[in-house]
Amino acid sequence: MNQSVTRVLLTVDQPLHAQLLKHAFATCPDLELVGEATEVIECMQKMVSKKPHLWIHSWDEGPELQAVLSHVYDSQPSLSVIRISLNEPAGYIQMQVRSLADLLKLATQTRLLLGAA
């Protein structure tokens, strides 16, 4: 397994959005799509079998999401999670970080990615 590649599990409800994300992954050699899931049990099984570094999902807050998160953080405490919500006027991304250092690193990387001075 290549350590420099970020392994991604995708759980996005809208097929068009999933296709757009998969296209973006295909153009980025640092990301590897290791699986897709549509249901809670399938998602938890793929978390265990595929061991992703990053989970991108579009599930709303609720018991299904909490079930997956509690299962995942017991077995993979270093998993990064991105929640995409298209119900917000300008789009919305929610990320979970483990520490202030992780948050600052993310802010720096985002600034560099966006080309801000």
PDB file of N, CA and C in Angstrom:
ATOM      1  N   MET A   1       0.841  -1.171   0.000  1.00  0.00           N
ATOM      2  CA  MET A   1       0.000   0.000   0.000  1.00  0.00           C
ATOM      3  C   MET A   1       0.891   1.241   0.000  1.00  0.00           C
ATOM      4  N   ASN A   2       0.675   2.167  -0.922  1.00  0.00           N
ATOM      5  CA  ASN A   2       1.450   3.389  -1.035  1.00  0.00           C
ATOM      6  C   ASN A   2       1.073   4.332   0.105  1.00  0.00           C
ATOM      7  N   GLN A   3       2.032   4.691   0.955  1.00  0.00           N
ATOM      8  CA  GLN A   3       1.768   5.520   2.124  1.00  0.00           C
ATOM      9  C   GLN A   3       1.479   6.979   1.772  1.00  0.00           C
ATOM     10  N   SER A   4       1.910   7.444   0.598  1.00  0.00           N
ATOM     11  CA  SER A   4       1.710   8.845   0.238  1.00  0.00           C
ATOM     12  C   SER A   4       0.339   9.105  -0.398  1.00  0.00           C
ATOM     13  N   VAL A   5      -0.415   8.067  -0.655  1.00  0.00           N
ATOM     14  CA  VAL A   5      -1.738   8.212  -1.273  1.00  0.00           C
ATOM     15  C   VAL A   5      -2.806   8.226  -0.183  1.00  0.00           C
ATOM     16  N   THR A   6      -3.734   9.168  -0.300  1.00  0.00           N
ATOM     17  CA  THR A   6      -4.858   9.242   0.633  1.00  0.00           C
ATOM     18  C   THR A   6      -5.983   8.364   0.110  1.00  0.00           C
ATOM     19  N   ARG A   7      -6.345   7.373   0.905  1.00  0.00           N
ATOM     20  CA  ARG A   7      -7.401   6.430   0.547  1.00  0.00           C
ATOM     21  C   ARG A   7      -8.755   7.027   0.940  1.00  0.00           C
ATOM     22  N   VAL A   8      -9.690   7.090  -0.024  1.00  0.00           N
ATOM     23  CA  VAL A   8     -10.966   7.783   0.180  1.00  0.00           C
ATOM     24  C   VAL A   8     -12.133   6.811   0.033  1.00  0.00           C
ATOM     25  N   LEU A   9     -13.067   6.886   0.985  1.00  0.00           N
ATOM     26  CA  LEU A   9     -14.347   6.191   0.883  1.00  0.00           C
ATOM     27  C   LEU A   9     -15.402   7.250   0.633  1.00  0.00           C
ATOM     28  N   LEU A  10     -16.260   7.017  -0.337  1.00  0.00           N
ATOM     29  CA  LEU A  10     -17.245   7.996  -0.776  1.00  0.00           C
ATOM     30  C   LEU A  10     -18.654   7.501  -0.470  1.00  0.00           C
ATOM     31  N   THR A  11     -19.439   8.347   0.182  1.00  0.00           N
ATOM     32  CA  THR A  11     -20.837   8.055   0.466  1.00  0.00           C
ATOM     33  C   THR A  11     -21.627   9.323   0.164  1.00  0.00           C
ATOM     34  N   VAL A  12     -21.951   9.504  -1.102  1.00  0.00           N
ATOM     35  CA  VAL A  12     -22.649  10.709  -1.553  1.00  0.00           C
ATOM     36  C   VAL A  12     -23.953  10.273  -2.202  1.00  0.00           C
ATOM     37  N   ASP A  13     -25.052  10.880  -1.741  1.00  0.00           N
ATOM     38  CA  ASP A  13     -26.387  10.457  -2.177  1.00  0.00           C
ATOM     39  C   ASP A  13     -26.694  10.752  -3.644  1.00  0.00           C
ATOM     40  N   GLN A  14     -26.249  11.877  -4.147  1.00  0.00           N
ATOM     41  CA  GLN A  14     -26.584  12.274  -5.504  1.00  0.00           C
ATOM     42  C   GLN A  14     -25.593  11.680  -6.512  1.00  0.00           C
ATOM     43  N   PRO A  15     -26.058  10.897  -7.475  1.00  0.00           N
ATOM     44  CA  PRO A  15     -25.155  10.280  -8.456  1.00  0.00           C
ATOM     45  C   PRO A  15     -24.298  11.283  -9.227  1.00  0.00           C
ATOM     46  N   LEU A  16     -24.861  12.429  -9.592  1.00  0.00           N
ATOM     47  CA  LEU A  16     -24.078  13.423 -10.325  1.00  0.00           C
ATOM     48  C   LEU A  16     -22.924  13.947  -9.469  1.00  0.00           C
ATOM     49  N   HIS A  17     -23.203  14.202  -8.198  1.00  0.00           N
ATOM     50  CA  HIS A  17     -22.156  14.696  -7.299  1.00  0.00           C
ATOM     51  C   HIS A  17     -21.073  13.643  -7.105  1.00  0.00           C
ATOM     52  N   ALA A  18     -21.492  12.389  -7.002  1.00  0.00           N
ATOM     53  CA  ALA A  18     -20.512  11.304  -6.867  1.00  0.00           C
ATOM     54  C   ALA A  18     -19.635  11.231  -8.112  1.00  0.00           C
ATOM     55  N   GLN A  19     -20.252  11.367  -9.286  1.00  0.00           N
ATOM     56  CA  GLN A  19     -19.482  11.321 -10.531  1.00  0.00           C
ATOM     57  C   GLN A  19     -18.475  12.470 -10.605  1.00  0.00           C
ATOM     58  N   LEU A  20     -18.880  13.657 -10.194  1.00  0.00           N
ATOM     59  CA  LEU A  20     -17.973  14.808 -10.211  1.00  0.00           C
ATOM     60  C   LEU A  20     -16.793  14.581  -9.271  1.00  0.00           C
ATOM     61  N   LEU A  21     -17.072  14.051  -8.086  1.00  0.00           N
ATOM     62  CA  LEU A  21     -15.987  13.767  -7.136  1.00  0.00           C
ATOM     63  C   LEU A  21     -15.061  12.690  -7.681  1.00  0.00           C
ATOM     64  N   LYS A  22     -15.624  11.641  -8.269  1.00  0.00           N
ATOM     65  CA  LYS A  22     -14.793  10.568  -8.822  1.00  0.00           C
ATOM     66  C   LYS A  22     -13.917  11.094  -9.957  1.00  0.00           C
ATOM     67  N   HIS A  23     -14.448  11.989 -10.759  1.00  0.00           N
ATOM     68  CA  HIS A  23     -13.644  12.585 -11.820  1.00  0.00           C
ATOM     69  C   HIS A  23     -12.486  13.387 -11.218  1.00  0.00           C
ATOM     70  N   ALA A  24     -12.774  14.133 -10.166  1.00  0.00           N
ATOM     71  CA  ALA A  24     -11.718  14.903  -9.503  1.00  0.00           C
ATOM     72  C   ALA A  24     -10.655  13.974  -8.922  1.00  0.00           C
ATOM     73  N   PHE A  25     -11.075  12.853  -8.336  1.00  0.00           N
ATOM     74  CA  PHE A  25     -10.112  11.896  -7.780  1.00  0.00           C
ATOM     75  C   PHE A  25      -9.222  11.326  -8.883  1.00  0.00           C
ATOM     76  N   ALA A  26      -9.808  11.077 -10.042  1.00  0.00           N
ATOM     77  CA  ALA A  26      -9.054  10.483 -11.147  1.00  0.00           C
ATOM     78  C   ALA A  26      -7.953  11.411 -11.653  1.00  0.00           C
ATOM     79  N   THR A  27      -8.132  12.707 -11.434  1.00  0.00           N
ATOM     80  CA  THR A  27      -7.125  13.667 -11.890  1.00  0.00           C
ATOM     81  C   THR A  27      -6.108  14.010 -10.808  1.00  0.00           C
ATOM     82  N   CYS A  28      -6.268  13.456  -9.628  1.00  0.00           N
ATOM     83  CA  CYS A  28      -5.365  13.760  -8.519  1.00  0.00           C
ATOM     84  C   CYS A  28      -4.651  12.476  -8.087  1.00  0.00           C
ATOM     85  N   PRO A  29      -3.363  12.358  -8.394  1.00  0.00           N
ATOM     86  CA  PRO A  29      -2.641  11.119  -8.080  1.00  0.00           C
ATOM     87  C   PRO A  29      -2.460  10.860  -6.580  1.00  0.00           C
ATOM     88  N   ASP A  30      -2.709  11.886  -5.746  1.00  0.00           N
ATOM     89  CA  ASP A  30      -2.557  11.717  -4.297  1.00  0.00           C
ATOM     90  C   ASP A  30      -3.801  11.128  -3.640  1.00  0.00           C
ATOM     91  N   LEU A  31      -4.875  10.942  -4.409  1.00  0.00           N
ATOM     92  CA  LEU A  31      -6.123  10.400  -3.877  1.00  0.00           C
ATOM     93  C   LEU A  31      -6.464   9.090  -4.574  1.00  0.00           C
ATOM     94  N   GLU A  32      -6.884   8.117  -3.789  1.00  0.00           N
ATOM     95  CA  GLU A  32      -7.317   6.833  -4.343  1.00  0.00           C
ATOM     96  C   GLU A  32      -8.707   6.515  -3.804  1.00  0.00           C
ATOM     97  N   LEU A  33      -9.670   6.410  -4.702  1.00  0.00           N
ATOM     98  CA  LEU A  33     -11.018   6.032  -4.301  1.00  0.00           C
ATOM     99  C   LEU A  33     -11.017   4.531  -4.043  1.00  0.00           C
ATOM    100  N   VAL A  34     -11.182   4.139  -2.777  1.00  0.00           N
ATOM    101  CA  VAL A  34     -11.114   2.717  -2.421  1.00  0.00           C
ATOM    102  C   VAL A  34     -12.491   2.079  -2.302  1.00  0.00           C
ATOM    103  N   GLY A  35     -13.548   2.903  -2.369  1.00  0.00           N
ATOM    104  CA  GLY A  35     -14.878   2.319  -2.316  1.00  0.00           C
ATOM    105  C   GLY A  35     -15.969   3.363  -2.217  1.00  0.00           C
ATOM    106  N   GLU A  36     -17.180   2.884  -2.473  1.00  0.00           N
ATOM    107  CA  GLU A  36     -18.383   3.694  -2.339  1.00  0.00           C
ATOM    108  C   GLU A  36     -19.399   2.890  -1.539  1.00  0.00           C
ATOM    109  N   ALA A  37     -20.223   3.597  -0.790  1.00  0.00           N
ATOM    110  CA  ALA A  37     -21.263   2.940  -0.010  1.00  0.00           C
ATOM    111  C   ALA A  37     -22.508   3.802  -0.031  1.00  0.00           C
ATOM    112  N   THR A  38     -23.657   3.158   0.044  1.00  0.00           N
ATOM    113  CA  THR A  38     -24.910   3.901   0.067  1.00  0.00           C
ATOM    114  C   THR A  38     -25.701   3.666   1.349  1.00  0.00           C
ATOM    115  N   GLU A  39     -25.401   2.590   2.051  1.00  0.00           N
ATOM    116  CA  GLU A  39     -26.146   2.236   3.257  1.00  0.00           C
ATOM    117  C   GLU A  39     -25.199   2.143   4.447  1.00  0.00           C
ATOM    118  N   VAL A  40     -25.751   2.245   5.646  1.00  0.00           N
ATOM    119  CA  VAL A  40     -24.958   2.267   6.875  1.00  0.00           C
ATOM    120  C   VAL A  40     -24.106   1.012   7.030  1.00  0.00           C
ATOM    121  N   ILE A  41     -24.707  -0.163   6.910  1.00  0.00           N
ATOM    122  CA  ILE A  41     -23.968  -1.415   7.106  1.00  0.00           C
ATOM    123  C   ILE A  41     -22.858  -1.548   6.069  1.00  0.00           C
ATOM    124  N   GLU A  42     -23.170  -1.248   4.827  1.00  0.00           N
ATOM    125  CA  GLU A  42     -22.178  -1.308   3.754  1.00  0.00           C
ATOM    126  C   GLU A  42     -21.020  -0.344   4.049  1.00  0.00           C
ATOM    127  N   CYS A  43     -21.349   0.842   4.518  1.00  0.00           N
ATOM    128  CA  CYS A  43     -20.329   1.833   4.840  1.00  0.00           C
ATOM    129  C   CYS A  43     -19.416   1.320   5.957  1.00  0.00           C
ATOM    130  N   MET A  44     -19.998   0.791   7.021  1.00  0.00           N
ATOM    131  CA  MET A  44     -19.192   0.286   8.136  1.00  0.00           C
ATOM    132  C   MET A  44     -18.311  -0.882   7.698  1.00  0.00           C
ATOM    133  N   GLN A  45     -18.843  -1.760   6.855  1.00  0.00           N
ATOM    134  CA  GLN A  45     -18.048  -2.881   6.351  1.00  0.00           C
ATOM    135  C   GLN A  45     -16.866  -2.392   5.520  1.00  0.00           C
ATOM    136  N   LYS A  46     -17.102  -1.395   4.680  1.00  0.00           N
ATOM    137  CA  LYS A  46     -16.016  -0.875   3.842  1.00  0.00           C
ATOM    138  C   LYS A  46     -15.002  -0.089   4.664  1.00  0.00           C
ATOM    139  N   MET A  47     -15.449   0.535   5.740  1.00  0.00           N
ATOM    140  CA  MET A  47     -14.498   1.212   6.634  1.00  0.00           C
ATOM    141  C   MET A  47     -13.493   0.200   7.187  1.00  0.00           C
ATOM    142  N   VAL A  48     -13.995  -0.975   7.556  1.00  0.00           N
ATOM    143  CA  VAL A  48     -13.130  -2.013   8.124  1.00  0.00           C
ATOM    144  C   VAL A  48     -12.262  -2.649   7.049  1.00  0.00           C
ATOM    145  N   SER A  49     -12.854  -2.998   5.915  1.00  0.00           N
ATOM    146  CA  SER A  49     -12.104  -3.737   4.898  1.00  0.00           C
ATOM    147  C   SER A  49     -11.166  -2.853   4.073  1.00  0.00           C
ATOM    148  N   LYS A  50     -11.560  -1.623   3.790  1.00  0.00           N
ATOM    149  CA  LYS A  50     -10.770  -0.742   2.918  1.00  0.00           C
ATOM    150  C   LYS A  50      -9.824   0.180   3.684  1.00  0.00           C
ATOM    151  N   LYS A  51     -10.103   0.408   4.962  1.00  0.00           N
ATOM    152  CA  LYS A  51      -9.280   1.264   5.820  1.00  0.00           C
ATOM    153  C   LYS A  51      -8.939   2.615   5.178  1.00  0.00           C
ATOM    154  N   PRO A  52      -9.971   3.395   4.861  1.00  0.00           N
ATOM    155  CA  PRO A  52      -9.704   4.690   4.238  1.00  0.00           C
ATOM    156  C   PRO A  52      -9.069   5.667   5.222  1.00  0.00           C
ATOM    157  N   HIS A  53      -8.379   6.659   4.676  1.00  0.00           N
ATOM    158  CA  HIS A  53      -7.850   7.761   5.481  1.00  0.00           C
ATOM    159  C   HIS A  53      -8.885   8.877   5.583  1.00  0.00           C
ATOM    160  N   LEU A  54      -9.752   8.939   4.565  1.00  0.00           N
ATOM    161  CA  LEU A  54     -10.713  10.033   4.441  1.00  0.00           C
ATOM    162  C   LEU A  54     -12.066   9.465   4.038  1.00  0.00           C
ATOM    163  N   TRP A  55     -13.111   9.945   4.702  1.00  0.00           N
ATOM    164  CA  TRP A  55     -14.486   9.568   4.357  1.00  0.00           C
ATOM    165  C   TRP A  55     -15.209  10.844   3.948  1.00  0.00           C
ATOM    166  N   ILE A  56     -15.700  10.882   2.714  1.00  0.00           N
ATOM    167  CA  ILE A  56     -16.490  12.007   2.227  1.00  0.00           C
ATOM    168  C   ILE A  56     -17.928  11.528   2.113  1.00  0.00           C
ATOM    169  N   HIS A  57     -18.827  12.229   2.804  1.00  0.00           N
ATOM    170  CA  HIS A  57     -20.237  11.794   2.792  1.00  0.00           C
ATOM    171  C   HIS A  57     -21.160  12.997   2.693  1.00  0.00           C
ATOM    172  N   SER A  58     -22.409  12.715   2.364  1.00  0.00           N
ATOM    173  CA  SER A  58     -23.425  13.764   2.282  1.00  0.00           C
ATOM    174  C   SER A  58     -24.631  13.423   3.158  1.00  0.00           C
ATOM    175  N   TRP A  59     -24.420  12.583   4.147  1.00  0.00           N
ATOM    176  CA  TRP A  59     -25.517  12.212   5.035  1.00  0.00           C
ATOM    177  C   TRP A  59     -25.827  13.342   5.999  1.00  0.00           C
ATOM    178  N   ASP A  60     -27.116  13.559   6.234  1.00  0.00           N
ATOM    179  CA  ASP A  60     -27.536  14.550   7.224  1.00  0.00           C
ATOM    180  C   ASP A  60     -27.313  13.990   8.621  1.00  0.00           C
ATOM    181  N   GLU A  61     -27.246  14.891   9.584  1.00  0.00           N
ATOM    182  CA  GLU A  61     -27.138  14.466  10.980  1.00  0.00           C
ATOM    183  C   GLU A  61     -28.314  13.547  11.305  1.00  0.00           C
ATOM    184  N   GLY A  62     -28.058  12.521  12.061  1.00  0.00           N
ATOM    185  CA  GLY A  62     -29.107  11.597  12.444  1.00  0.00           C
ATOM    186  C   GLY A  62     -28.516  10.300  12.949  1.00  0.00           C
ATOM    187  N   PRO A  63     -29.371   9.344  13.269  1.00  0.00           N
ATOM    188  CA  PRO A  63     -28.888   8.093  13.862  1.00  0.00           C
ATOM    189  C   PRO A  63     -27.970   7.287  12.952  1.00  0.00           C
ATOM    190  N   GLU A  64     -28.207   7.332  11.636  1.00  0.00           N
ATOM    191  CA  GLU A  64     -27.355   6.576  10.716  1.00  0.00           C
ATOM    192  C   GLU A  64     -25.922   7.112  10.750  1.00  0.00           C
ATOM    193  N   LEU A  65     -25.806   8.426  10.664  1.00  0.00           N
ATOM    194  CA  LEU A  65     -24.487   9.048  10.689  1.00  0.00           C
ATOM    195  C   LEU A  65     -23.799   8.799  12.026  1.00  0.00           C
ATOM    196  N   GLN A  66     -24.521   8.933  13.107  1.00  0.00           N
ATOM    197  CA  GLN A  66     -23.925   8.715  14.428  1.00  0.00           C
ATOM    198  C   GLN A  66     -23.484   7.266  14.612  1.00  0.00           C
ATOM    199  N   ALA A  67     -24.238   6.326  14.059  1.00  0.00           N
ATOM    200  CA  ALA A  67     -23.852   4.914  14.145  1.00  0.00           C
ATOM    201  C   ALA A  67     -22.526   4.666  13.440  1.00  0.00           C
ATOM    202  N   VAL A  68     -22.383   5.229  12.246  1.00  0.00           N
ATOM    203  CA  VAL A  68     -21.136   5.051  11.495  1.00  0.00           C
ATOM    204  C   VAL A  68     -19.983   5.728  12.219  1.00  0.00           C
ATOM    205  N   LEU A  69     -20.193   6.966  12.659  1.00  0.00           N
ATOM    206  CA  LEU A  69     -19.113   7.693  13.331  1.00  0.00           C
ATOM    207  C   LEU A  69     -18.654   6.996  14.600  1.00  0.00           C
ATOM    208  N   SER A  70     -19.587   6.517  15.408  1.00  0.00           N
ATOM    209  CA  SER A  70     -19.169   5.850  16.644  1.00  0.00           C
ATOM    210  C   SER A  70     -18.431   4.555  16.339  1.00  0.00           C
ATOM    211  N   HIS A  71     -18.860   3.828  15.323  1.00  0.00           N
ATOM    212  CA  HIS A  71     -18.181   2.592  14.917  1.00  0.00           C
ATOM    213  C   HIS A  71     -16.783   2.900  14.394  1.00  0.00           C
ATOM    214  N   VAL A  72     -16.692   3.910  13.554  1.00  0.00           N
ATOM    215  CA  VAL A  72     -15.437   4.240  12.892  1.00  0.00           C
ATOM    216  C   VAL A  72     -14.403   4.755  13.887  1.00  0.00           C
ATOM    217  N   TYR A  73     -14.791   5.664  14.752  1.00  0.00           N
ATOM    218  CA  TYR A  73     -13.808   6.263  15.648  1.00  0.00           C
ATOM    219  C   TYR A  73     -13.315   5.277  16.702  1.00  0.00           C
ATOM    220  N   ASP A  74     -14.067   4.222  16.944  1.00  0.00           N
ATOM    221  CA  ASP A  74     -13.555   3.166  17.814  1.00  0.00           C
ATOM    222  C   ASP A  74     -12.454   2.384  17.118  1.00  0.00           C
ATOM    223  N   SER A  75     -12.624   2.133  15.828  1.00  0.00           N
ATOM    224  CA  SER A  75     -11.663   1.302  15.103  1.00  0.00           C
ATOM    225  C   SER A  75     -10.621   2.108  14.328  1.00  0.00           C
ATOM    226  N   GLN A  76     -10.943   3.352  13.926  1.00  0.00           N
ATOM    227  CA  GLN A  76     -10.032   4.179  13.135  1.00  0.00           C
ATOM    228  C   GLN A  76     -10.035   5.613  13.660  1.00  0.00           C
ATOM    229  N   PRO A  77      -9.411   5.841  14.796  1.00  0.00           N
ATOM    230  CA  PRO A  77      -9.480   7.181  15.396  1.00  0.00           C
ATOM    231  C   PRO A  77      -8.827   8.276  14.566  1.00  0.00           C
ATOM    232  N   SER A  78      -7.992   7.927  13.604  1.00  0.00           N
ATOM    233  CA  SER A  78      -7.322   8.957  12.804  1.00  0.00           C
ATOM    234  C   SER A  78      -8.055   9.265  11.497  1.00  0.00           C
ATOM    235  N   LEU A  79      -9.217   8.680  11.277  1.00  0.00           N
ATOM    236  CA  LEU A  79      -9.976   8.929  10.052  1.00  0.00           C
ATOM    237  C   LEU A  79     -10.389  10.399   9.967  1.00  0.00           C
ATOM    238  N   SER A  80     -10.181  10.998   8.812  1.00  0.00           N
ATOM    239  CA  SER A  80     -10.676  12.349   8.555  1.00  0.00           C
ATOM    240  C   SER A  80     -12.034  12.227   7.871  1.00  0.00           C
ATOM    241  N   VAL A  81     -12.924  13.152   8.205  1.00  0.00           N
ATOM    242  CA  VAL A  81     -14.287  13.103   7.676  1.00  0.00           C
ATOM    243  C   VAL A  81     -14.632  14.452   7.069  1.00  0.00           C
ATOM    244  N   ILE A  82     -15.173  14.411   5.853  1.00  0.00           N
ATOM    245  CA  ILE A  82     -15.701  15.612   5.211  1.00  0.00           C
ATOM    246  C   ILE A  82     -17.173  15.358   4.924  1.00  0.00           C
ATOM    247  N   ARG A  83     -18.008  16.244   5.423  1.00  0.00           N
ATOM    248  CA  ARG A  83     -19.448  16.172   5.156  1.00  0.00           C
ATOM    249  C   ARG A  83     -19.799  17.272   4.169  1.00  0.00           C
ATOM    250  N   ILE A  84     -20.428  16.895   3.079  1.00  0.00           N
ATOM    251  CA  ILE A  84     -20.847  17.846   2.060  1.00  0.00           C
ATOM    252  C   ILE A  84     -22.359  18.009   2.161  1.00  0.00           C
ATOM    253  N   SER A  85     -22.808  19.248   2.307  1.00  0.00           N
ATOM    254  CA  SER A  85     -24.236  19.523   2.336  1.00  0.00           C
ATOM    255  C   SER A  85     -24.549  20.528   1.242  1.00  0.00           C
ATOM    256  N   LEU A  86     -25.385  20.134   0.330  1.00  0.00           N
ATOM    257  CA  LEU A  86     -25.754  21.021  -0.760  1.00  0.00           C
ATOM    258  C   LEU A  86     -27.043  21.776  -0.458  1.00  0.00           C
ATOM    259  N   ASN A  87     -27.560  21.620   0.758  1.00  0.00           N
ATOM    260  CA  ASN A  87     -28.780  22.310   1.149  1.00  0.00           C
ATOM    261  C   ASN A  87     -28.510  23.736   1.605  1.00  0.00           C
ATOM    262  N   GLU A  88     -27.266  24.074   1.844  1.00  0.00           N
ATOM    263  CA  GLU A  88     -26.893  25.425   2.252  1.00  0.00           C
ATOM    264  C   GLU A  88     -26.839  26.312   1.009  1.00  0.00           C
ATOM    265  N   PRO A  89     -27.138  27.613   1.142  1.00  0.00           N
ATOM    266  CA  PRO A  89     -27.156  28.503  -0.018  1.00  0.00           C
ATOM    267  C   PRO A  89     -25.854  28.523  -0.820  1.00  0.00           C
ATOM    268  N   ALA A  90     -24.716  28.487  -0.152  1.00  0.00           N
ATOM    269  CA  ALA A  90     -23.445  28.563  -0.869  1.00  0.00           C
ATOM    270  C   ALA A  90     -22.691  27.242  -0.817  1.00  0.00           C
ATOM    271  N   GLY A  91     -23.370  26.179  -0.466  1.00  0.00           N
ATOM    272  CA  GLY A  91     -22.683  24.911  -0.257  1.00  0.00           C
ATOM    273  C   GLY A  91     -22.045  24.921   1.120  1.00  0.00           C
ATOM    274  N   TYR A  92     -21.736  23.757   1.624  1.00  0.00           N
ATOM    275  CA  TYR A  92     -21.259  23.667   2.996  1.00  0.00           C
ATOM    276  C   TYR A  92     -20.393  22.441   3.118  1.00  0.00           C
ATOM    277  N   ILE A  93     -19.234  22.596   3.704  1.00  0.00           N
ATOM    278  CA  ILE A  93     -18.371  21.458   3.979  1.00  0.00           C
ATOM    279  C   ILE A  93     -18.049  21.469   5.457  1.00  0.00           C
ATOM    280  N   GLN A  94     -18.281  20.359   6.114  1.00  0.00           N
ATOM    281  CA  GLN A  94     -17.977  20.215   7.531  1.00  0.00           C
ATOM    282  C   GLN A  94     -16.841  19.216   7.660  1.00  0.00           C
ATOM    283  N   MET A  95     -15.804  19.598   8.383  1.00  0.00           N
ATOM    284  CA  MET A  95     -14.658  18.722   8.555  1.00  0.00           C
ATOM    285  C   MET A  95     -14.414  18.503  10.039  1.00  0.00           C
ATOM    286  N   GLN A  96     -13.966  17.348  10.360  1.00  0.00           N
ATOM    287  CA  GLN A  96     -13.605  17.053  11.738  1.00  0.00           C
ATOM    288  C   GLN A  96     -12.094  16.987  11.827  1.00  0.00           C
ATOM    289  N   VAL A  97     -11.541  17.732  12.757  1.00  0.00           N
ATOM    290  CA  VAL A  97     -10.100  17.701  12.988  1.00  0.00           C
ATOM    291  C   VAL A  97      -9.865  17.258  14.425  1.00  0.00           C
ATOM    292  N   ARG A  98      -8.712  16.671  14.670  1.00  0.00           N
ATOM    293  CA  ARG A  98      -8.411  16.091  15.973  1.00  0.00           C
ATOM    294  C   ARG A  98      -7.757  17.071  16.953  1.00  0.00           C
ATOM    295  N   SER A  99      -7.151  18.134  16.410  1.00  0.00           N
ATOM    296  CA  SER A  99      -6.425  19.033  17.299  1.00  0.00           C
ATOM    297  C   SER A  99      -6.322  20.404  16.659  1.00  0.00           C
ATOM    298  N   LEU A 100      -5.903  21.370  17.455  1.00  0.00           N
ATOM    299  CA  LEU A 100      -5.681  22.705  16.940  1.00  0.00           C
ATOM    300  C   LEU A 100      -4.571  22.685  15.895  1.00  0.00           C
ATOM    301  N   ALA A 101      -3.544  21.874  16.120  1.00  0.00           N
ATOM    302  CA  ALA A 101      -2.448  21.763  15.155  1.00  0.00           C
ATOM    303  C   ALA A 101      -2.963  21.280  13.798  1.00  0.00           C
ATOM    304  N   ASP A 102      -3.873  20.292  13.800  1.00  0.00           N
ATOM    305  CA  ASP A 102      -4.462  19.805  12.550  1.00  0.00           C
ATOM    306  C   ASP A 102      -5.265  20.898  11.859  1.00  0.00           C
ATOM    307  N   LEU A 103      -6.007  21.681  12.642  1.00  0.00           N
ATOM    308  CA  LEU A 103      -6.809  22.758  12.079  1.00  0.00           C
ATOM    309  C   LEU A 103      -5.910  23.818  11.444  1.00  0.00           C
ATOM    310  N   LEU A 104      -4.833  24.181  12.122  1.00  0.00           N
ATOM    311  CA  LEU A 104      -3.915  25.180  11.578  1.00  0.00           C
ATOM    312  C   LEU A 104      -3.219  24.671  10.319  1.00  0.00           C
ATOM    313  N   LYS A 105      -2.848  23.404  10.320  1.00  0.00           N
ATOM    314  CA  LYS A 105      -2.227  22.802   9.135  1.00  0.00           C
ATOM    315  C   LYS A 105      -3.210  22.840   7.958  1.00  0.00           C
ATOM    316  N   LEU A 106      -4.473  22.496   8.211  1.00  0.00           N
ATOM    317  CA  LEU A 106      -5.496  22.526   7.173  1.00  0.00           C
ATOM    318  C   LEU A 106      -5.684  23.942   6.640  1.00  0.00           C
ATOM    319  N   ALA A 107      -5.725  24.923   7.526  1.00  0.00           N
ATOM    320  CA  ALA A 107      -5.897  26.312   7.098  1.00  0.00           C
ATOM    321  C   ALA A 107      -4.730  26.749   6.217  1.00  0.00           C
ATOM    322  N   THR A 108      -3.528  26.358   6.580  1.00  0.00           N
ATOM    323  CA  THR A 108      -2.341  26.707   5.796  1.00  0.00           C
ATOM    324  C   THR A 108      -2.391  26.041   4.424  1.00  0.00           C
ATOM    325  N   GLN A 109      -2.735  24.756   4.400  1.00  0.00           N
ATOM    326  CA  GLN A 109      -2.810  24.037   3.130  1.00  0.00           C
ATOM    327  C   GLN A 109      -3.896  24.624   2.235  1.00  0.00           C
ATOM    328  N   THR A 110      -5.024  24.996   2.815  1.00  0.00           N
ATOM    329  CA  THR A 110      -6.122  25.583   2.045  1.00  0.00           C
ATOM    330  C   THR A 110      -5.695  26.921   1.457  1.00  0.00           C
ATOM    331  N   ARG A 111      -5.016  27.741   2.250  1.00  0.00           N
ATOM    332  CA  ARG A 111      -4.535  29.031   1.769  1.00  0.00           C
ATOM    333  C   ARG A 111      -3.577  28.846   0.603  1.00  0.00           C
ATOM    334  N   LEU A 112      -2.663  27.872   0.730  1.00  0.00           N
ATOM    335  CA  LEU A 112      -1.711  27.610  -0.338  1.00  0.00           C
ATOM    336  C   LEU A 112      -2.406  27.073  -1.584  1.00  0.00           C
ATOM    337  N   LEU A 113      -3.393  26.197  -1.363  1.00  0.00           N
ATOM    338  CA  LEU A 113      -4.142  25.623  -2.475  1.00  0.00           C
ATOM    339  C   LEU A 113      -4.896  26.690  -3.261  1.00  0.00           C
ATOM    340  N   LEU A 114      -5.475  27.639  -2.539  1.00  0.00           N
ATOM    341  CA  LEU A 114      -6.264  28.687  -3.172  1.00  0.00           C
ATOM    342  C   LEU A 114      -5.390  29.820  -3.724  1.00  0.00           C
ATOM    343  N   GLY A 115      -4.087  29.745  -3.445  1.00  0.00           N
ATOM    344  CA  GLY A 115      -3.178  30.755  -3.972  1.00  0.00           C
ATOM    345  C   GLY A 115      -3.217  32.070  -3.241  1.00  0.00           C
ATOM    346  N   ALA A 116      -3.689  32.058  -1.995  1.00  0.00           N
ATOM    347  CA  ALA A 116      -3.720  33.297  -1.224  1.00  0.00           C
ATOM    348  C   ALA A 116      -2.316  33.668  -0.772  1.00  0.00           C
ATOM    349  N   ALA A 117      -2.082  34.939  -0.653  1.00  0.00           N
ATOM    350  CA  ALA A 117      -0.755  35.409  -0.227  1.00  0.00           C
ATOM    351  C   ALA A 117      -0.624  35.376   1.275  1.00  0.00           C
TER     352      ALA A 117
END
